[in-house]
Amino acid sequence: MKYKKWSLKEKLEILSASEELGVVEACRKYSVSTGTFYNWKKKYDTHGESGLKVVYDVRSKELKAAEEEIRILRKLLGNKEIELEVQRELLKKKFGTSDPRKI
């Protein structure tokens, strides 16, 4: 089943229709579950219109940006570790030790 993303305007319209028609009829008319309706109503009662605003798009963009940055940093760290390992191997071959302090 595909979920519908409701806009702020639609949510407010459904909440106002519930006052006129009743909760069950408004939910049937707009094909919204009563659980979803009551979640919206609770958010609206506590935070007003700002509680009903769509915020998941903003968070997901920030999350994607952070994940991309983490991916790049891990790649850089991996490359640096490879370079250090190669340097240790070269020091071991050249001086017989991999500890640069003993040279």
PDB file of N, CA and C in Angstrom:
ATOM      1  N   MET A   1       0.834  -1.166   0.000  1.00  0.00           N
ATOM      2  CA  MET A   1       0.000   0.000   0.000  1.00  0.00           C
ATOM      3  C   MET A   1       0.890   1.243   0.000  1.00  0.00           C
ATOM      4  N   LYS A   2       0.562   2.186  -0.839  1.00  0.00           N
ATOM      5  CA  LYS A   2       1.328   3.416  -0.939  1.00  0.00           C
ATOM      6  C   LYS A   2       0.748   4.449   0.013  1.00  0.00           C
ATOM      7  N   TYR A   3       1.618   5.137   0.731  1.00  0.00           N
ATOM      8  CA  TYR A   3       1.178   6.123   1.694  1.00  0.00           C
ATOM      9  C   TYR A   3       1.125   7.498   1.046  1.00  0.00           C
ATOM     10  N   LYS A   4       0.125   8.268   1.411  1.00  0.00           N
ATOM     11  CA  LYS A   4      -0.018   9.625   0.898  1.00  0.00           C
ATOM     12  C   LYS A   4       0.662  10.582   1.860  1.00  0.00           C
ATOM     13  N   LYS A   5       1.324  11.573   1.298  1.00  0.00           N
ATOM     14  CA  LYS A   5       1.935  12.617   2.113  1.00  0.00           C
ATOM     15  C   LYS A   5       0.986  13.801   2.102  1.00  0.00           C
ATOM     16  N   TRP A   6       0.493  14.154   3.260  1.00  0.00           N
ATOM     17  CA  TRP A   6      -0.491  15.211   3.382  1.00  0.00           C
ATOM     18  C   TRP A   6       0.195  16.549   3.585  1.00  0.00           C
ATOM     19  N   SER A   7      -0.302  17.572   2.909  1.00  0.00           N
ATOM     20  CA  SER A   7       0.233  18.915   3.099  1.00  0.00           C
ATOM     21  C   SER A   7      -0.409  19.542   4.338  1.00  0.00           C
ATOM     22  N   LEU A   8       0.148  20.641   4.768  1.00  0.00           N
ATOM     23  CA  LEU A   8      -0.379  21.358   5.926  1.00  0.00           C
ATOM     24  C   LEU A   8      -1.813  21.807   5.660  1.00  0.00           C
ATOM     25  N   LYS A   9      -2.059  22.308   4.472  1.00  0.00           N
ATOM     26  CA  LYS A   9      -3.397  22.790   4.106  1.00  0.00           C
ATOM     27  C   LYS A   9      -4.424  21.651   4.170  1.00  0.00           C
ATOM     28  N   GLU A  10      -4.052  20.488   3.660  1.00  0.00           N
ATOM     29  CA  GLU A  10      -4.966  19.336   3.677  1.00  0.00           C
ATOM     30  C   GLU A  10      -5.250  18.884   5.106  1.00  0.00           C
ATOM     31  N   LYS A  11      -4.225  18.871   5.932  1.00  0.00           N
ATOM     32  CA  LYS A  11      -4.411  18.457   7.322  1.00  0.00           C
ATOM     33  C   LYS A  11      -5.357  19.403   8.049  1.00  0.00           C
ATOM     34  N   LEU A  12      -5.180  20.708   7.832  1.00  0.00           N
ATOM     35  CA  LEU A  12      -6.057  21.691   8.473  1.00  0.00           C
ATOM     36  C   LEU A  12      -7.487  21.546   7.967  1.00  0.00           C
ATOM     37  N   GLU A  13      -7.625  21.264   6.686  1.00  0.00           N
ATOM     38  CA  GLU A  13      -8.963  21.068   6.107  1.00  0.00           C
ATOM     39  C   GLU A  13      -9.659  19.860   6.737  1.00  0.00           C
ATOM     40  N   ILE A  14      -8.929  18.783   6.926  1.00  0.00           N
ATOM     41  CA  ILE A  14      -9.505  17.575   7.535  1.00  0.00           C
ATOM     42  C   ILE A  14      -9.877  17.845   8.993  1.00  0.00           C
ATOM     43  N   LEU A  15      -9.012  18.548   9.710  1.00  0.00           N
ATOM     44  CA  LEU A  15      -9.329  18.872  11.110  1.00  0.00           C
ATOM     45  C   LEU A  15     -10.572  19.748  11.213  1.00  0.00           C
ATOM     46  N   SER A  16     -10.714  20.719  10.309  1.00  0.00           N
ATOM     47  CA  SER A  16     -11.904  21.574  10.361  1.00  0.00           C
ATOM     48  C   SER A  16     -13.148  20.805   9.920  1.00  0.00           C
ATOM     49  N   ALA A  17     -12.995  19.883   8.966  1.00  0.00           N
ATOM     50  CA  ALA A  17     -14.140  19.080   8.525  1.00  0.00           C
ATOM     51  C   ALA A  17     -14.604  18.151   9.634  1.00  0.00           C
ATOM     52  N   SER A  18     -13.694  17.728  10.498  1.00  0.00           N
ATOM     53  CA  SER A  18     -14.081  16.830  11.584  1.00  0.00           C
ATOM     54  C   SER A  18     -14.996  17.537  12.582  1.00  0.00           C
ATOM     55  N   GLU A  19     -14.833  18.858  12.708  1.00  0.00           N
ATOM     56  CA  GLU A  19     -15.709  19.602  13.606  1.00  0.00           C
ATOM     57  C   GLU A  19     -17.124  19.675  13.047  1.00  0.00           C
ATOM     58  N   GLU A  20     -17.254  19.755  11.731  1.00  0.00           N
ATOM     59  CA  GLU A  20     -18.562  19.841  11.095  1.00  0.00           C
ATOM     60  C   GLU A  20     -19.221  18.471  10.942  1.00  0.00           C
ATOM     61  N   LEU A  21     -18.457  17.502  10.412  1.00  0.00           N
ATOM     62  CA  LEU A  21     -19.012  16.188  10.083  1.00  0.00           C
ATOM     63  C   LEU A  21     -18.879  15.172  11.206  1.00  0.00           C
ATOM     64  N   GLY A  22     -17.914  15.369  12.059  1.00  0.00           N
ATOM     65  CA  GLY A  22     -17.566  14.359  13.045  1.00  0.00           C
ATOM     66  C   GLY A  22     -16.297  13.663  12.601  1.00  0.00           C
ATOM     67  N   VAL A  23     -15.622  13.069  13.546  1.00  0.00           N
ATOM     68  CA  VAL A  23     -14.314  12.469  13.272  1.00  0.00           C
ATOM     69  C   VAL A  23     -14.422  11.305  12.297  1.00  0.00           C
ATOM     70  N   VAL A  24     -15.339  10.407  12.542  1.00  0.00           N
ATOM     71  CA  VAL A  24     -15.430   9.197  11.719  1.00  0.00           C
ATOM     72  C   VAL A  24     -15.800   9.542  10.280  1.00  0.00           C
ATOM     73  N   GLU A  25     -16.770  10.419  10.086  1.00  0.00           N
ATOM     74  CA  GLU A  25     -17.188  10.788   8.733  1.00  0.00           C
ATOM     75  C   GLU A  25     -16.080  11.539   7.992  1.00  0.00           C
ATOM     76  N   ALA A  26     -15.391  12.435   8.682  1.00  0.00           N
ATOM     77  CA  ALA A  26     -14.294  13.171   8.045  1.00  0.00           C
ATOM     78  C   ALA A  26     -13.175  12.222   7.639  1.00  0.00           C
ATOM     79  N   CYS A  27     -12.867  11.269   8.487  1.00  0.00           N
ATOM     80  CA  CYS A  27     -11.822  10.291   8.167  1.00  0.00           C
ATOM     81  C   CYS A  27     -12.223   9.431   6.970  1.00  0.00           C
ATOM     82  N   ARG A  28     -13.485   9.060   6.897  1.00  0.00           N
ATOM     83  CA  ARG A  28     -13.955   8.274   5.745  1.00  0.00           C
ATOM     84  C   ARG A  28     -13.910   9.101   4.466  1.00  0.00           C
ATOM     85  N   LYS A  29     -14.348  10.349   4.561  1.00  0.00           N
ATOM     86  CA  LYS A  29     -14.405  11.219   3.395  1.00  0.00           C
ATOM     87  C   LYS A  29     -13.012  11.430   2.790  1.00  0.00           C
ATOM     88  N   TYR A  30     -12.010  11.631   3.640  1.00  0.00           N
ATOM     89  CA  TYR A  30     -10.661  11.918   3.159  1.00  0.00           C
ATOM     90  C   TYR A  30      -9.741  10.693   3.160  1.00  0.00           C
ATOM     91  N   SER A  31     -10.280   9.541   3.511  1.00  0.00           N
ATOM     92  CA  SER A  31      -9.509   8.283   3.547  1.00  0.00           C
ATOM     93  C   SER A  31      -8.291   8.386   4.460  1.00  0.00           C
ATOM     94  N   VAL A  32      -8.543   8.832   5.677  1.00  0.00           N
ATOM     95  CA  VAL A  32      -7.496   8.945   6.693  1.00  0.00           C
ATOM     96  C   VAL A  32      -7.880   8.029   7.842  1.00  0.00           C
ATOM     97  N   SER A  33      -6.897   7.340   8.397  1.00  0.00           N
ATOM     98  CA  SER A  33      -7.212   6.494   9.544  1.00  0.00           C
ATOM     99  C   SER A  33      -7.473   7.379  10.760  1.00  0.00           C
ATOM    100  N   THR A  34      -8.273   6.864  11.675  1.00  0.00           N
ATOM    101  CA  THR A  34      -8.587   7.644  12.870  1.00  0.00           C
ATOM    102  C   THR A  34      -7.342   7.843  13.734  1.00  0.00           C
ATOM    103  N   GLY A  35      -6.433   6.874  13.728  1.00  0.00           N
ATOM    104  CA  GLY A  35      -5.189   7.010  14.483  1.00  0.00           C
ATOM    105  C   GLY A  35      -4.360   8.176  13.969  1.00  0.00           C
ATOM    106  N   THR A  36      -4.258   8.268  12.640  1.00  0.00           N
ATOM    107  CA  THR A  36      -3.526   9.378  12.036  1.00  0.00           C
ATOM    108  C   THR A  36      -4.201  10.699  12.368  1.00  0.00           C
ATOM    109  N   PHE A  37      -5.522  10.711  12.279  1.00  0.00           N
ATOM    110  CA  PHE A  37      -6.269  11.925  12.588  1.00  0.00           C
ATOM    111  C   PHE A  37      -5.993  12.382  14.014  1.00  0.00           C
ATOM    112  N   TYR A  38      -6.068  11.465  14.970  1.00  0.00           N
ATOM    113  CA  TYR A  38      -5.858  11.854  16.369  1.00  0.00           C
ATOM    114  C   TYR A  38      -4.416  12.287  16.632  1.00  0.00           C
ATOM    115  N   ASN A  39      -3.457  11.705  15.907  1.00  0.00           N
ATOM    116  CA  ASN A  39      -2.069  12.182  16.026  1.00  0.00           C
ATOM    117  C   ASN A  39      -1.955  13.626  15.557  1.00  0.00           C
ATOM    118  N   TRP A  40      -2.593  13.917  14.416  1.00  0.00           N
ATOM    119  CA  TRP A  40      -2.586  15.287  13.906  1.00  0.00           C
ATOM    120  C   TRP A  40      -3.262  16.232  14.891  1.00  0.00           C
ATOM    121  N   LYS A  41      -4.395  15.792  15.447  1.00  0.00           N
ATOM    122  CA  LYS A  41      -5.158  16.641  16.364  1.00  0.00           C
ATOM    123  C   LYS A  41      -4.332  16.948  17.618  1.00  0.00           C
ATOM    124  N   LYS A  42      -3.639  15.940  18.121  1.00  0.00           N
ATOM    125  CA  LYS A  42      -2.804  16.146  19.312  1.00  0.00           C
ATOM    126  C   LYS A  42      -1.679  17.136  19.024  1.00  0.00           C
ATOM    127  N   LYS A  43      -1.031  16.977  17.862  1.00  0.00           N
ATOM    128  CA  LYS A  43       0.042  17.903  17.493  1.00  0.00           C
ATOM    129  C   LYS A  43      -0.502  19.315  17.297  1.00  0.00           C
ATOM    130  N   TYR A  44      -1.682  19.412  16.686  1.00  0.00           N
ATOM    131  CA  TYR A  44      -2.283  20.723  16.454  1.00  0.00           C
ATOM    132  C   TYR A  44      -2.666  21.384  17.773  1.00  0.00           C
ATOM    133  N   ASP A  45      -3.195  20.599  18.699  1.00  0.00           N
ATOM    134  CA  ASP A  45      -3.597  21.157  19.995  1.00  0.00           C
ATOM    135  C   ASP A  45      -2.396  21.630  20.814  1.00  0.00           C
ATOM    136  N   THR A  46      -1.276  20.927  20.716  1.00  0.00           N
ATOM    137  CA  THR A  46      -0.117  21.294  21.531  1.00  0.00           C
ATOM    138  C   THR A  46       0.749  22.368  20.878  1.00  0.00           C
ATOM    139  N   HIS A  47       0.976  22.269  19.552  1.00  0.00           N
ATOM    140  CA  HIS A  47       1.917  23.169  18.883  1.00  0.00           C
ATOM    141  C   HIS A  47       1.266  24.110  17.875  1.00  0.00           C
ATOM    142  N   GLY A  48      -0.007  23.952  17.615  1.00  0.00           N
ATOM    143  CA  GLY A  48      -0.658  24.779  16.606  1.00  0.00           C
ATOM    144  C   GLY A  48      -0.307  24.306  15.208  1.00  0.00           C
ATOM    145  N   GLU A  49      -0.331  25.233  14.260  1.00  0.00           N
ATOM    146  CA  GLU A  49      -0.055  24.861  12.859  1.00  0.00           C
ATOM    147  C   GLU A  49       1.374  24.373  12.665  1.00  0.00           C
ATOM    148  N   SER A  50       2.297  24.876  13.444  1.00  0.00           N
ATOM    149  CA  SER A  50       3.689  24.457  13.292  1.00  0.00           C
ATOM    150  C   SER A  50       3.876  22.973  13.633  1.00  0.00           C
ATOM    151  N   GLY A  51       2.985  22.425  14.461  1.00  0.00           N
ATOM    152  CA  GLY A  51       3.060  21.009  14.788  1.00  0.00           C
ATOM    153  C   GLY A  51       2.676  20.108  13.635  1.00  0.00           C
ATOM    154  N   LEU A  52       1.913  20.647  12.686  1.00  0.00           N
ATOM    155  CA  LEU A  52       1.462  19.858  11.539  1.00  0.00           C
ATOM    156  C   LEU A  52       2.350  20.008  10.312  1.00  0.00           C
ATOM    157  N   LYS A  53       3.325  20.906  10.373  1.00  0.00           N
ATOM    158  CA  LYS A  53       4.178  21.135   9.206  1.00  0.00           C
ATOM    159  C   LYS A  53       4.979  19.896   8.870  1.00  0.00           C
ATOM    160  N   VAL A  54       5.248  19.749   7.586  1.00  0.00           N
ATOM    161  CA  VAL A  54       6.016  18.611   7.099  1.00  0.00           C
ATOM    162  C   VAL A  54       7.487  18.893   7.342  1.00  0.00           C
ATOM    163  N   VAL A  55       8.144  18.074   8.161  1.00  0.00           N
ATOM    164  CA  VAL A  55       9.547  18.292   8.491  1.00  0.00           C
ATOM    165  C   VAL A  55      10.435  17.134   8.069  1.00  0.00           C
ATOM    166  N   TYR A  56       9.871  16.058   7.580  1.00  0.00           N
ATOM    167  CA  TYR A  56      10.688  14.887   7.266  1.00  0.00           C
ATOM    168  C   TYR A  56      11.583  15.119   6.064  1.00  0.00           C
ATOM    169  N   ASP A  57      11.194  15.991   5.131  1.00  0.00           N
ATOM    170  CA  ASP A  57      12.034  16.254   3.969  1.00  0.00           C
ATOM    171  C   ASP A  57      13.315  16.975   4.376  1.00  0.00           C
ATOM    172  N   VAL A  58      13.233  17.906   5.301  1.00  0.00           N
ATOM    173  CA  VAL A  58      14.396  18.660   5.741  1.00  0.00           C
ATOM    174  C   VAL A  58      15.371  17.745   6.452  1.00  0.00           C
ATOM    175  N   ARG A  59      14.871  16.920   7.337  1.00  0.00           N
ATOM    176  CA  ARG A  59      15.755  16.013   8.076  1.00  0.00           C
ATOM    177  C   ARG A  59      16.443  15.031   7.141  1.00  0.00           C
ATOM    178  N   SER A  60      15.710  14.504   6.169  1.00  0.00           N
ATOM    179  CA  SER A  60      16.314  13.511   5.299  1.00  0.00           C
ATOM    180  C   SER A  60      17.405  14.143   4.434  1.00  0.00           C
ATOM    181  N   LYS A  61      17.241  15.402   4.022  1.00  0.00           N
ATOM    182  CA  LYS A  61      18.287  16.062   3.258  1.00  0.00           C
ATOM    183  C   LYS A  61      19.528  16.265   4.109  1.00  0.00           C
ATOM    184  N   GLU A  62      19.325  16.679   5.351  1.00  0.00           N
ATOM    185  CA  GLU A  62      20.463  16.854   6.252  1.00  0.00           C
ATOM    186  C   GLU A  62      21.138  15.519   6.528  1.00  0.00           C
ATOM    187  N   LEU A  63      20.344  14.483   6.696  1.00  0.00           N
ATOM    188  CA  LEU A  63      20.892  13.158   6.957  1.00  0.00           C
ATOM    189  C   LEU A  63      21.697  12.659   5.769  1.00  0.00           C
ATOM    190  N   LYS A  64      21.181  12.850   4.566  1.00  0.00           N
ATOM    191  CA  LYS A  64      21.904  12.424   3.368  1.00  0.00           C
ATOM    192  C   LYS A  64      23.219  13.177   3.226  1.00  0.00           C
ATOM    193  N   ALA A  65      23.207  14.471   3.522  1.00  0.00           N
ATOM    194  CA  ALA A  65      24.435  15.257   3.435  1.00  0.00           C
ATOM    195  C   ALA A  65      25.458  14.772   4.458  1.00  0.00           C
ATOM    196  N   ALA A  66      24.995  14.478   5.661  1.00  0.00           N
ATOM    197  CA  ALA A  66      25.901  13.986   6.698  1.00  0.00           C
ATOM    198  C   ALA A  66      26.463  12.611   6.329  1.00  0.00           C
ATOM    199  N   GLU A  67      25.618  11.749   5.786  1.00  0.00           N
ATOM    200  CA  GLU A  67      26.096  10.421   5.379  1.00  0.00           C
ATOM    201  C   GLU A  67      27.128  10.519   4.262  1.00  0.00           C
ATOM    202  N   GLU A  68      26.918  11.441   3.330  1.00  0.00           N
ATOM    203  CA  GLU A  68      27.875  11.638   2.243  1.00  0.00           C
ATOM    204  C   GLU A  68      29.213  12.135   2.786  1.00  0.00           C
ATOM    205  N   GLU A  69      29.160  13.057   3.739  1.00  0.00           N
ATOM    206  CA  GLU A  69      30.387  13.567   4.352  1.00  0.00           C
ATOM    207  C   GLU A  69      31.122  12.454   5.094  1.00  0.00           C
ATOM    208  N   ILE A  70      30.383  11.612   5.805  1.00  0.00           N
ATOM    209  CA  ILE A  70      30.989  10.491   6.523  1.00  0.00           C
ATOM    210  C   ILE A  70      31.645   9.523   5.552  1.00  0.00           C
ATOM    211  N   ARG A  71      30.976   9.264   4.421  1.00  0.00           N
ATOM    212  CA  ARG A  71      31.528   8.357   3.414  1.00  0.00           C
ATOM    213  C   ARG A  71      32.852   8.894   2.881  1.00  0.00           C
ATOM    214  N   ILE A  72      32.898  10.198   2.596  1.00  0.00           N
ATOM    215  CA  ILE A  72      34.118  10.814   2.074  1.00  0.00           C
ATOM    216  C   ILE A  72      35.231  10.765   3.116  1.00  0.00           C
ATOM    217  N   LEU A  73      34.896  11.073   4.365  1.00  0.00           N
ATOM    218  CA  LEU A  73      35.906  11.054   5.426  1.00  0.00           C
ATOM    219  C   LEU A  73      36.452   9.656   5.663  1.00  0.00           C
ATOM    220  N   ARG A  74      35.597   8.653   5.604  1.00  0.00           N
ATOM    221  CA  ARG A  74      36.061   7.264   5.771  1.00  0.00           C
ATOM    222  C   ARG A  74      36.998   6.869   4.644  1.00  0.00           C
ATOM    223  N   LYS A  75      36.677   7.313   3.434  1.00  0.00           N
ATOM    224  CA  LYS A  75      37.534   7.004   2.292  1.00  0.00           C
ATOM    225  C   LYS A  75      38.904   7.656   2.479  1.00  0.00           C
ATOM    226  N   LEU A  76      38.920   8.920   2.905  1.00  0.00           N
ATOM    227  CA  LEU A  76      40.184   9.618   3.147  1.00  0.00           C
ATOM    228  C   LEU A  76      40.989   8.950   4.253  1.00  0.00           C
ATOM    229  N   LEU A  77      40.307   8.540   5.313  1.00  0.00           N
ATOM    230  CA  LEU A  77      40.980   7.866   6.421  1.00  0.00           C
ATOM    231  C   LEU A  77      41.570   6.533   5.962  1.00  0.00           C
ATOM    232  N   GLY A  78      40.830   5.802   5.153  1.00  0.00           N
ATOM    233  CA  GLY A  78      41.327   4.532   4.630  1.00  0.00           C
ATOM    234  C   GLY A  78      42.569   4.725   3.779  1.00  0.00           C
ATOM    235  N   ASN A  79      42.546   5.751   2.924  1.00  0.00           N
ATOM    236  CA  ASN A  79      43.716   6.039   2.086  1.00  0.00           C
ATOM    237  C   ASN A  79      44.930   6.414   2.941  1.00  0.00           C
ATOM    238  N   LYS A  80      44.699   7.194   3.986  1.00  0.00           N
ATOM    239  CA  LYS A  80      45.794   7.605   4.865  1.00  0.00           C
ATOM    240  C   LYS A  80      46.387   6.395   5.583  1.00  0.00           C
ATOM    241  N   GLU A  81      45.534   5.473   6.025  1.00  0.00           N
ATOM    242  CA  GLU A  81      46.023   4.268   6.693  1.00  0.00           C
ATOM    243  C   GLU A  81      46.860   3.417   5.745  1.00  0.00           C
ATOM    244  N   ILE A  82      46.451   3.333   4.495  1.00  0.00           N
ATOM    245  CA  ILE A  82      47.225   2.573   3.499  1.00  0.00           C
ATOM    246  C   ILE A  82      48.601   3.213   3.308  1.00  0.00           C
ATOM    247  N   GLU A  83      48.630   4.545   3.193  1.00  0.00           N
ATOM    248  CA  GLU A  83      49.908   5.246   3.043  1.00  0.00           C
ATOM    249  C   GLU A  83      50.834   4.982   4.225  1.00  0.00           C
ATOM    250  N   LEU A  84      50.295   5.042   5.437  1.00  0.00           N
ATOM    251  CA  LEU A  84      51.108   4.799   6.627  1.00  0.00           C
ATOM    252  C   LEU A  84      51.641   3.367   6.657  1.00  0.00           C
ATOM    253  N   GLU A  85      50.815   2.421   6.250  1.00  0.00           N
ATOM    254  CA  GLU A  85      51.248   1.023   6.232  1.00  0.00           C
ATOM    255  C   GLU A  85      52.382   0.828   5.224  1.00  0.00           C
ATOM    256  N   VAL A  86      52.271   1.466   4.059  1.00  0.00           N
ATOM    257  CA  VAL A  86      53.334   1.375   3.053  1.00  0.00           C
ATOM    258  C   VAL A  86      54.617   2.002   3.587  1.00  0.00           C
ATOM    259  N   GLN A  87      54.512   3.134   4.263  1.00  0.00           N
ATOM    260  CA  GLN A  87      55.698   3.775   4.835  1.00  0.00           C
ATOM    261  C   GLN A  87      56.352   2.891   5.888  1.00  0.00           C
ATOM    262  N   ARG A  88      55.546   2.251   6.708  1.00  0.00           N
ATOM    263  CA  ARG A  88      56.103   1.339   7.722  1.00  0.00           C
ATOM    264  C   ARG A  88      56.844   0.178   7.067  1.00  0.00           C
ATOM    265  N   GLU A  89      56.257  -0.371   6.015  1.00  0.00           N
ATOM    266  CA  GLU A  89      56.911  -1.487   5.313  1.00  0.00           C
ATOM    267  C   GLU A  89      58.230  -1.045   4.694  1.00  0.00           C
ATOM    268  N   LEU A  90      58.255   0.161   4.099  1.00  0.00           N
ATOM    269  CA  LEU A  90      59.500   0.658   3.513  1.00  0.00           C
ATOM    270  C   LEU A  90      60.567   0.888   4.578  1.00  0.00           C
ATOM    271  N   LEU A  91      60.160   1.431   5.729  1.00  0.00           N
ATOM    272  CA  LEU A  91      61.116   1.636   6.815  1.00  0.00           C
ATOM    273  C   LEU A  91      61.651   0.309   7.340  1.00  0.00           C
ATOM    274  N   LYS A  92      60.769  -0.680   7.394  1.00  0.00           N
ATOM    275  CA  LYS A  92      61.183  -1.990   7.888  1.00  0.00           C
ATOM    276  C   LYS A  92      62.221  -2.600   6.945  1.00  0.00           C
ATOM    277  N   LYS A  93      62.001  -2.458   5.640  1.00  0.00           N
ATOM    278  CA  LYS A  93      62.936  -3.015   4.674  1.00  0.00           C
ATOM    279  C   LYS A  93      64.266  -2.249   4.691  1.00  0.00           C
ATOM    280  N   LYS A  94      64.177  -0.922   4.822  1.00  0.00           N
ATOM    281  CA  LYS A  94      65.382  -0.099   4.729  1.00  0.00           C
ATOM    282  C   LYS A  94      66.218  -0.152   6.005  1.00  0.00           C
ATOM    283  N   PHE A  95      65.559  -0.049   7.167  1.00  0.00           N
ATOM    284  CA  PHE A  95      66.307   0.046   8.420  1.00  0.00           C
ATOM    285  C   PHE A  95      66.116  -1.148   9.342  1.00  0.00           C
ATOM    286  N   GLY A  96      65.271  -2.072   8.983  1.00  0.00           N
ATOM    287  CA  GLY A  96      65.073  -3.256   9.810  1.00  0.00           C
ATOM    288  C   GLY A  96      64.093  -3.030  10.945  1.00  0.00           C
ATOM    289  N   THR A  97      63.456  -1.873  11.004  1.00  0.00           N
ATOM    290  CA  THR A  97      62.473  -1.611  12.037  1.00  0.00           C
ATOM    291  C   THR A  97      61.348  -0.756  11.447  1.00  0.00           C
ATOM    292  N   SER A  98      60.166  -0.898  11.996  1.00  0.00           N
ATOM    293  CA  SER A  98      59.044  -0.089  11.503  1.00  0.00           C
ATOM    294  C   SER A  98      58.772   1.091  12.421  1.00  0.00           C
ATOM    295  N   ASP A  99      59.546   1.195  13.516  1.00  0.00           N
ATOM    296  CA  ASP A  99      59.356   2.292  14.460  1.00  0.00           C
ATOM    297  C   ASP A  99      60.304   3.429  14.084  1.00  0.00           C
ATOM    298  N   PRO A 100      59.792   4.567  13.618  1.00  0.00           N
ATOM    299  CA  PRO A 100      60.675   5.660  13.175  1.00  0.00           C
ATOM    300  C   PRO A 100      61.495   6.266  14.296  1.00  0.00           C
ATOM    301  N   ARG A 101      61.119   6.061  15.559  1.00  0.00           N
ATOM    302  CA  ARG A 101      61.879   6.614  16.666  1.00  0.00           C
ATOM    303  C   ARG A 101      63.202   5.880  16.884  1.00  0.00           C
ATOM    304  N   LYS A 102      63.296   4.660  16.410  1.00  0.00           N
ATOM    305  CA  LYS A 102      64.517   3.861  16.614  1.00  0.00           C
ATOM    306  C   LYS A 102      65.560   4.112  15.533  1.00  0.00           C
ATOM    307  N   ILE A 103      65.277   4.952  14.603  1.00  0.00           N
ATOM    308  CA  ILE A 103      66.213   5.197  13.485  1.00  0.00           C
ATOM    309  C   ILE A 103      67.262   6.188  13.881  1.00  0.00           C
TER     310      ILE A 103
END
